[in-house]
């Protein structure tokens, strides 16, 4: 295996470890209620914002190596956010509270897109202010 690919894999792995620990910290900080999975929603919304911000900030793309950028985006944010947990929690909610399950999915998608939009807008605003 080439040295560059190995460095990329290791950096993504380290980022993934940090993201997983961050995700666990969110779940300890915002304890899940039996009726609504706040920790997953919070982690996914933070991840939506951060990913769009990092990938749309030209200054970051210019000054951060691809290895470090992938460690943050693919590794850390990839491990921090979780679609599989969202899907499982939706099915679990659906059994007893189908309306709340639908609300959870609706909020997750619409607020996730809104957070991505805000991340992009902030990135572009920062770019304009530093020119």
C-alpha atoms as a PDB file:
ATOM      1  CA  UNK A   1       0.000   0.000   0.000  1.00  0.00           C
ATOM      2  CA  UNK A   2       1.319   3.421  -0.841  1.00  0.00           C
ATOM      3  CA  UNK A   3       2.447   5.617   2.039  1.00  0.00           C
ATOM      4  CA  UNK A   4      -0.043   8.369   1.131  1.00  0.00           C
ATOM      5  CA  UNK A   5      -3.005   5.975   1.197  1.00  0.00           C
ATOM      6  CA  UNK A   6      -1.828   4.594   4.521  1.00  0.00           C
ATOM      7  CA  UNK A   7      -1.541   8.117   5.974  1.00  0.00           C
ATOM      8  CA  UNK A   8      -5.039   8.892   4.694  1.00  0.00           C
ATOM      9  CA  UNK A   9      -6.484   5.736   6.269  1.00  0.00           C
ATOM     10  CA  UNK A  10      -4.771   6.390   9.600  1.00  0.00           C
ATOM     11  CA  UNK A  11      -5.881  10.032   9.685  1.00  0.00           C
ATOM     12  CA  UNK A  12      -9.478   9.069   8.875  1.00  0.00           C
ATOM     13  CA  UNK A  13      -9.307   6.409  11.585  1.00  0.00           C
ATOM     14  CA  UNK A  14      -8.077   8.925  14.154  1.00  0.00           C
ATOM     15  CA  UNK A  15     -10.778  11.367  13.073  1.00  0.00           C
ATOM     16  CA  UNK A  16     -13.345   8.582  13.339  1.00  0.00           C
ATOM     17  CA  UNK A  17     -12.210   7.782  16.853  1.00  0.00           C
ATOM     18  CA  UNK A  18     -12.589  11.446  17.868  1.00  0.00           C
ATOM     19  CA  UNK A  19     -16.000  11.646  16.213  1.00  0.00           C
ATOM     20  CA  UNK A  20     -17.209   8.511  17.970  1.00  0.00           C
ATOM     21  CA  UNK A  21     -16.066   9.864  21.338  1.00  0.00           C
ATOM     22  CA  UNK A  22     -17.770  13.184  20.556  1.00  0.00           C
ATOM     23  CA  UNK A  23     -20.959  11.344  19.641  1.00  0.00           C
ATOM     24  CA  UNK A  24     -20.847   9.447  22.919  1.00  0.00           C
ATOM     25  CA  UNK A  25     -20.279  12.710  24.819  1.00  0.00           C
ATOM     26  CA  UNK A  26     -23.401  14.158  23.163  1.00  0.00           C
ATOM     27  CA  UNK A  27     -25.398  11.116  24.258  1.00  0.00           C
ATOM     28  CA  UNK A  28     -24.171  11.576  27.857  1.00  0.00           C
ATOM     29  CA  UNK A  29     -24.818  15.327  27.836  1.00  0.00           C
ATOM     30  CA  UNK A  30     -28.299  15.167  26.308  1.00  0.00           C
ATOM     31  CA  UNK A  31     -29.747  12.011  27.772  1.00  0.00           C
ATOM     32  CA  UNK A  32     -32.285  10.436  25.481  1.00  0.00           C
ATOM     33  CA  UNK A  33     -35.823  10.602  26.693  1.00  0.00           C
ATOM     34  CA  UNK A  34     -38.018   7.585  26.101  1.00  0.00           C
ATOM     35  CA  UNK A  35     -40.231   9.728  23.885  1.00  0.00           C
ATOM     36  CA  UNK A  36     -37.675  11.575  21.720  1.00  0.00           C
ATOM     37  CA  UNK A  37     -34.056  10.863  20.666  1.00  0.00           C
ATOM     38  CA  UNK A  38     -32.505  14.302  21.239  1.00  0.00           C
ATOM     39  CA  UNK A  39     -28.845  13.147  21.230  1.00  0.00           C
ATOM     40  CA  UNK A  40     -29.010  11.750  17.700  1.00  0.00           C
ATOM     41  CA  UNK A  41     -30.856  14.789  16.399  1.00  0.00           C
ATOM     42  CA  UNK A  42     -28.335  17.174  17.979  1.00  0.00           C
ATOM     43  CA  UNK A  43     -25.315  15.227  16.711  1.00  0.00           C
ATOM     44  CA  UNK A  44     -26.719  15.006  13.184  1.00  0.00           C
ATOM     45  CA  UNK A  45     -27.578  18.720  13.032  1.00  0.00           C
ATOM     46  CA  UNK A  46     -24.137  19.740  14.309  1.00  0.00           C
ATOM     47  CA  UNK A  47     -22.595  17.403  11.741  1.00  0.00           C
ATOM     48  CA  UNK A  48     -24.688  18.860   8.912  1.00  0.00           C
ATOM     49  CA  UNK A  49     -23.553  22.360   9.790  1.00  0.00           C
ATOM     50  CA  UNK A  50     -19.873  21.482  10.260  1.00  0.00           C
ATOM     51  CA  UNK A  51     -19.574  19.376   7.121  1.00  0.00           C
ATOM     52  CA  UNK A  52     -21.091  22.003   4.858  1.00  0.00           C
ATOM     53  CA  UNK A  53     -19.049  24.751   6.533  1.00  0.00           C
ATOM     54  CA  UNK A  54     -15.736  22.896   6.197  1.00  0.00           C
ATOM     55  CA  UNK A  55     -16.326  21.833   2.611  1.00  0.00           C
ATOM     56  CA  UNK A  56     -17.396  25.304   1.471  1.00  0.00           C
ATOM     57  CA  UNK A  57     -14.742  27.403   3.183  1.00  0.00           C
ATOM     58  CA  UNK A  58     -12.124  28.104   0.525  1.00  0.00           C
ATOM     59  CA  UNK A  59      -9.611  29.270   3.127  1.00  0.00           C
ATOM     60  CA  UNK A  60      -9.753  25.861   4.824  1.00  0.00           C
ATOM     61  CA  UNK A  61      -9.463  24.024   1.506  1.00  0.00           C
ATOM     62  CA  UNK A  62      -6.425  26.145   0.579  1.00  0.00           C
ATOM     63  CA  UNK A  63      -4.548  25.785   3.862  1.00  0.00           C
ATOM     64  CA  UNK A  64      -5.514  22.352   5.145  1.00  0.00           C
ATOM     65  CA  UNK A  65      -4.024  19.262   3.554  1.00  0.00           C
ATOM     66  CA  UNK A  66      -6.378  16.681   2.045  1.00  0.00           C
ATOM     67  CA  UNK A  67      -5.293  14.203   4.719  1.00  0.00           C
ATOM     68  CA  UNK A  68      -6.349  16.519   7.556  1.00  0.00           C
ATOM     69  CA  UNK A  69      -9.531  17.623   5.769  1.00  0.00           C
ATOM     70  CA  UNK A  70     -10.557  13.996   5.234  1.00  0.00           C
ATOM     71  CA  UNK A  71      -9.737  13.213   8.866  1.00  0.00           C
ATOM     72  CA  UNK A  72     -12.253  15.874   9.890  1.00  0.00           C
ATOM     73  CA  UNK A  73     -14.936  15.331   7.247  1.00  0.00           C
ATOM     74  CA  UNK A  74     -14.919  11.599   6.498  1.00  0.00           C
ATOM     75  CA  UNK A  75     -13.505  10.456   9.825  1.00  0.00           C
ATOM     76  CA  UNK A  76     -14.666  12.744  12.598  1.00  0.00           C
ATOM     77  CA  UNK A  77     -17.961  14.042  11.198  1.00  0.00           C
ATOM     78  CA  UNK A  78     -18.719  10.684   9.598  1.00  0.00           C
ATOM     79  CA  UNK A  79     -18.411   8.941  12.971  1.00  0.00           C
ATOM     80  CA  UNK A  80     -20.103  11.772  14.872  1.00  0.00           C
ATOM     81  CA  UNK A  81     -23.277  11.691  12.781  1.00  0.00           C
ATOM     82  CA  UNK A  82     -25.354   8.589  12.372  1.00  0.00           C
ATOM     83  CA  UNK A  83     -28.062   7.775   9.890  1.00  0.00           C
ATOM     84  CA  UNK A  84     -28.393   4.188  11.082  1.00  0.00           C
ATOM     85  CA  UNK A  85     -29.287   5.329  14.605  1.00  0.00           C
ATOM     86  CA  UNK A  86     -31.805   7.791  13.193  1.00  0.00           C
ATOM     87  CA  UNK A  87     -33.411   4.952  11.215  1.00  0.00           C
ATOM     88  CA  UNK A  88     -33.477   2.590  14.205  1.00  0.00           C
ATOM     89  CA  UNK A  89     -34.889   5.250  16.534  1.00  0.00           C
ATOM     90  CA  UNK A  90     -37.568   6.058  13.963  1.00  0.00           C
ATOM     91  CA  UNK A  91     -38.659   2.414  13.821  1.00  0.00           C
ATOM     92  CA  UNK A  92     -38.647   2.232  17.626  1.00  0.00           C
ATOM     93  CA  UNK A  93     -40.755   5.392  17.906  1.00  0.00           C
ATOM     94  CA  UNK A  94     -43.088   4.157  15.172  1.00  0.00           C
ATOM     95  CA  UNK A  95     -44.169   1.189  17.282  1.00  0.00           C
ATOM     96  CA  UNK A  96     -45.750   3.355  19.988  1.00  0.00           C
ATOM     97  CA  UNK A  97     -45.872   6.914  18.657  1.00  0.00           C
ATOM     98  CA  UNK A  98     -46.070   6.930  14.845  1.00  0.00           C
ATOM     99  CA  UNK A  99     -46.850  10.663  14.681  1.00  0.00           C
ATOM    100  CA  UNK A 100     -43.768  11.464  16.761  1.00  0.00           C
ATOM    101  CA  UNK A 101     -41.685   9.198  14.510  1.00  0.00           C
ATOM    102  CA  UNK A 102     -42.864  11.149  11.473  1.00  0.00           C
ATOM    103  CA  UNK A 103     -42.109  14.438  13.254  1.00  0.00           C
ATOM    104  CA  UNK A 104     -38.621  13.154  14.123  1.00  0.00           C
ATOM    105  CA  UNK A 105     -37.867  12.290  10.500  1.00  0.00           C
ATOM    106  CA  UNK A 106     -39.324  15.578   9.280  1.00  0.00           C
ATOM    107  CA  UNK A 107     -37.295  17.625  11.779  1.00  0.00           C
ATOM    108  CA  UNK A 108     -34.138  15.631  11.064  1.00  0.00           C
ATOM    109  CA  UNK A 109     -34.365  16.199   7.321  1.00  0.00           C
ATOM    110  CA  UNK A 110     -35.573  19.790   7.233  1.00  0.00           C
ATOM    111  CA  UNK A 111     -33.383  21.012  10.090  1.00  0.00           C
ATOM    112  CA  UNK A 112     -30.431  19.068   8.649  1.00  0.00           C
ATOM    113  CA  UNK A 113     -30.815  20.803   5.312  1.00  0.00           C
ATOM    114  CA  UNK A 114     -31.232  24.140   7.097  1.00  0.00           C
ATOM    115  CA  UNK A 115     -28.024  23.525   9.083  1.00  0.00           C
ATOM    116  CA  UNK A 116     -26.183  22.674   5.868  1.00  0.00           C
ATOM    117  CA  UNK A 117     -27.511  25.864   4.305  1.00  0.00           C
ATOM    118  CA  UNK A 118     -26.346  27.887   7.329  1.00  0.00           C
ATOM    119  CA  UNK A 119     -22.904  26.278   7.150  1.00  0.00           C
ATOM    120  CA  UNK A 120     -22.561  27.204   3.485  1.00  0.00           C
ATOM    121  CA  UNK A 121     -23.827  30.742   4.101  1.00  0.00           C
ATOM    122  CA  UNK A 122     -21.386  31.261   6.979  1.00  0.00           C
ATOM    123  CA  UNK A 123     -18.506  29.915   4.886  1.00  0.00           C
ATOM    124  CA  UNK A 124     -19.327  32.284   2.035  1.00  0.00           C
ATOM    125  CA  UNK A 125     -19.797  35.224   4.418  1.00  0.00           C
ATOM    126  CA  UNK A 126     -16.396  34.551   6.013  1.00  0.00           C
ATOM    127  CA  UNK A 127     -14.804  34.353   2.577  1.00  0.00           C
ATOM    128  CA  UNK A 128     -16.238  37.740   1.616  1.00  0.00           C
ATOM    129  CA  UNK A 129     -15.089  39.345   4.866  1.00  0.00           C
ATOM    130  CA  UNK A 130     -11.487  38.105   4.518  1.00  0.00           C
ATOM    131  CA  UNK A 131     -10.999  39.255   0.931  1.00  0.00           C
END
